[in-house]
Amino acid sequence: MFDHEKTMFEIYREGGYGRTYRVVYYTELNEHNKESEINRALQGETFYYGFIRDYGKDEAKAVIEHFVERLNEGQPLSPDDVDIALAAHSPAAQASSPA
């Protein structure tokens, strides 16, 4: 797997009044939204960050979005829960699978 075949993301909790959990996919940002999205994430509190493989990315994004929903519902989740759920979508999983 090449470096360009993965997507970097972060699940974070917004700063300020709302304290809503959000996700940002850094490697998908463009010149129009890059600065505002990065600034928003920097003002928040990181819950989890990592990479997902581009192959099967839509499935991984669905898993991530489900975690964000659950966090916003107040469910007690940990970064380890995200690790476990995304294990099959990790670039490391691709690297360790037989060719």
C-alpha atoms as a PDB file:
ATOM      1  CA  MET A   1       0.000   0.000   0.000  1.00  0.00           C
ATOM      2  CA  PHE A   2       1.241   3.442  -0.895  1.00  0.00           C
ATOM      3  CA  ASP A   3       0.877   6.516   1.316  1.00  0.00           C
ATOM      4  CA  HIS A   4      -1.588   8.036  -1.152  1.00  0.00           C
ATOM      5  CA  GLU A   5      -3.923   5.034  -0.783  1.00  0.00           C
ATOM      6  CA  LYS A   6      -5.136   5.947   2.686  1.00  0.00           C
ATOM      7  CA  THR A   7      -7.245   8.666   4.219  1.00  0.00           C
ATOM      8  CA  MET A   8      -6.320  10.502   7.415  1.00  0.00           C
ATOM      9  CA  PHE A   9      -9.195  11.410   9.705  1.00  0.00           C
ATOM     10  CA  GLU A  10      -9.965  12.682  13.187  1.00  0.00           C
ATOM     11  CA  ILE A  11     -12.974  12.327  15.458  1.00  0.00           C
ATOM     12  CA  TYR A  12     -13.089  15.312  17.762  1.00  0.00           C
ATOM     13  CA  ARG A  13     -15.396  17.073  20.170  1.00  0.00           C
ATOM     14  CA  GLU A  14     -16.137  20.683  19.339  1.00  0.00           C
ATOM     15  CA  GLY A  15     -15.025  23.346  21.750  1.00  0.00           C
ATOM     16  CA  GLY A  16     -17.439  25.883  23.133  1.00  0.00           C
ATOM     17  CA  TYR A  17     -21.077  25.487  24.021  1.00  0.00           C
ATOM     18  CA  GLY A  18     -22.277  22.671  21.741  1.00  0.00           C
ATOM     19  CA  ARG A  19     -19.541  20.105  22.457  1.00  0.00           C
ATOM     20  CA  THR A  20     -20.768  17.994  19.521  1.00  0.00           C
ATOM     21  CA  TYR A  21     -18.590  15.176  18.201  1.00  0.00           C
ATOM     22  CA  ARG A  22     -17.575  15.547  14.558  1.00  0.00           C
ATOM     23  CA  VAL A  23     -15.295  13.848  12.058  1.00  0.00           C
ATOM     24  CA  VAL A  24     -12.968  15.461   9.549  1.00  0.00           C
ATOM     25  CA  TYR A  25     -11.262  13.605   6.706  1.00  0.00           C
ATOM     26  CA  TYR A  26      -8.090  15.647   6.315  1.00  0.00           C
ATOM     27  CA  THR A  27      -6.886  14.136   3.057  1.00  0.00           C
ATOM     28  CA  GLU A  28     -10.227  14.954   1.394  1.00  0.00           C
ATOM     29  CA  LEU A  29     -10.174  18.663   2.196  1.00  0.00           C
ATOM     30  CA  ASN A  30      -9.772  21.134  -0.630  1.00  0.00           C
ATOM     31  CA  GLU A  31      -8.616  24.735  -0.820  1.00  0.00           C
ATOM     32  CA  HIS A  32     -12.144  25.993  -0.144  1.00  0.00           C
ATOM     33  CA  ASN A  33     -12.668  24.246   3.192  1.00  0.00           C
ATOM     34  CA  LYS A  34      -9.205  23.239   4.367  1.00  0.00           C
ATOM     35  CA  GLU A  35      -8.481  26.192   6.643  1.00  0.00           C
ATOM     36  CA  SER A  36     -11.907  26.367   8.302  1.00  0.00           C
ATOM     37  CA  GLU A  37     -12.150  22.612   8.934  1.00  0.00           C
ATOM     38  CA  ILE A  38      -8.639  22.374  10.353  1.00  0.00           C
ATOM     39  CA  ASN A  39      -9.222  25.388  12.593  1.00  0.00           C
ATOM     40  CA  ARG A  40     -12.506  23.919  13.839  1.00  0.00           C
ATOM     41  CA  ALA A  41     -10.793  20.637  14.715  1.00  0.00           C
ATOM     42  CA  LEU A  42      -7.885  22.414  16.410  1.00  0.00           C
ATOM     43  CA  GLN A  43     -10.301  24.286  18.669  1.00  0.00           C
ATOM     44  CA  GLY A  44     -11.857  21.008  19.761  1.00  0.00           C
ATOM     45  CA  GLU A  45     -10.696  18.011  21.754  1.00  0.00           C
ATOM     46  CA  THR A  46      -9.333  14.993  19.872  1.00  0.00           C
ATOM     47  CA  PHE A  47     -11.157  11.747  20.609  1.00  0.00           C
ATOM     48  CA  TYR A  48      -9.494   9.579  17.937  1.00  0.00           C
ATOM     49  CA  TYR A  49      -7.309  10.025  14.878  1.00  0.00           C
ATOM     50  CA  GLY A  50      -5.984   7.581  12.378  1.00  0.00           C
ATOM     51  CA  PHE A  51      -6.013   6.310   8.814  1.00  0.00           C
ATOM     52  CA  ILE A  52      -8.359   4.141   6.790  1.00  0.00           C
ATOM     53  CA  ARG A  53      -7.559   2.390   3.527  1.00  0.00           C
ATOM     54  CA  ASP A  54      -9.018   4.000   0.430  1.00  0.00           C
ATOM     55  CA  TYR A  55     -10.128   0.565  -0.734  1.00  0.00           C
ATOM     56  CA  GLY A  56     -13.453   0.081   1.052  1.00  0.00           C
ATOM     57  CA  LYS A  57     -13.384   3.644   2.363  1.00  0.00           C
ATOM     58  CA  ASP A  58     -17.169   4.085   2.157  1.00  0.00           C
ATOM     59  CA  GLU A  59     -17.711   1.149   4.516  1.00  0.00           C
ATOM     60  CA  ALA A  60     -15.105   2.522   6.935  1.00  0.00           C
ATOM     61  CA  LYS A  61     -16.719   5.958   6.807  1.00  0.00           C
ATOM     62  CA  ALA A  62     -20.065   4.393   7.705  1.00  0.00           C
ATOM     63  CA  VAL A  63     -18.436   2.801  10.770  1.00  0.00           C
ATOM     64  CA  ILE A  64     -16.901   6.148  11.753  1.00  0.00           C
ATOM     65  CA  GLU A  65     -20.178   8.042  11.263  1.00  0.00           C
ATOM     66  CA  HIS A  66     -21.957   5.474  13.431  1.00  0.00           C
ATOM     67  CA  PHE A  67     -19.419   6.072  16.215  1.00  0.00           C
ATOM     68  CA  VAL A  68     -19.928   9.832  15.940  1.00  0.00           C
ATOM     69  CA  GLU A  69     -23.701   9.354  16.244  1.00  0.00           C
ATOM     70  CA  ARG A  70     -23.285   7.099  19.262  1.00  0.00           C
ATOM     71  CA  LEU A  71     -20.911   9.553  20.946  1.00  0.00           C
ATOM     72  CA  ASN A  72     -23.387  12.379  20.370  1.00  0.00           C
ATOM     73  CA  GLU A  73     -26.096  10.232  21.961  1.00  0.00           C
ATOM     74  CA  GLY A  74     -23.930  10.049  25.080  1.00  0.00           C
ATOM     75  CA  GLN A  75     -22.888   6.411  24.805  1.00  0.00           C
ATOM     76  CA  PRO A  76     -19.702   5.659  26.739  1.00  0.00           C
ATOM     77  CA  LEU A  77     -17.181   4.694  24.058  1.00  0.00           C
ATOM     78  CA  SER A  78     -13.404   4.650  24.030  1.00  0.00           C
ATOM     79  CA  PRO A  79     -10.794   5.097  21.308  1.00  0.00           C
ATOM     80  CA  ASP A  80     -10.079   1.369  21.714  1.00  0.00           C
ATOM     81  CA  ASP A  81     -13.660   0.666  20.589  1.00  0.00           C
ATOM     82  CA  VAL A  82     -12.949   2.605  17.382  1.00  0.00           C
ATOM     83  CA  ASP A  83      -9.669   0.696  16.873  1.00  0.00           C
ATOM     84  CA  ILE A  84     -11.472  -2.615  17.107  1.00  0.00           C
ATOM     85  CA  ALA A  85     -14.298  -1.577  14.784  1.00  0.00           C
ATOM     86  CA  LEU A  86     -11.896  -0.210  12.148  1.00  0.00           C
ATOM     87  CA  ALA A  87      -9.295  -2.975  12.348  1.00  0.00           C
ATOM     88  CA  ALA A  88     -10.285  -4.446   8.977  1.00  0.00           C
ATOM     89  CA  HIS A  89     -10.086  -0.986   7.359  1.00  0.00           C
ATOM     90  CA  SER A  90      -6.669  -0.077   8.718  1.00  0.00           C
ATOM     91  CA  PRO A  91      -3.755   0.367   6.283  1.00  0.00           C
ATOM     92  CA  ALA A  92      -1.799  -1.939   8.615  1.00  0.00           C
ATOM     93  CA  ALA A  93      -4.373  -4.676   8.000  1.00  0.00           C
ATOM     94  CA  GLN A  94      -3.700  -4.424   4.262  1.00  0.00           C
ATOM     95  CA  ALA A  95       0.055  -4.563   4.805  1.00  0.00           C
ATOM     96  CA  SER A  96      -0.173  -7.679   6.952  1.00  0.00           C
ATOM     97  CA  SER A  97      -2.619  -9.617   4.753  1.00  0.00           C
ATOM     98  CA  PRO A  98      -1.179 -12.289   2.468  1.00  0.00           C
ATOM     99  CA  ALA A  99      -0.763 -11.321  -1.187  1.00  0.00           C
END
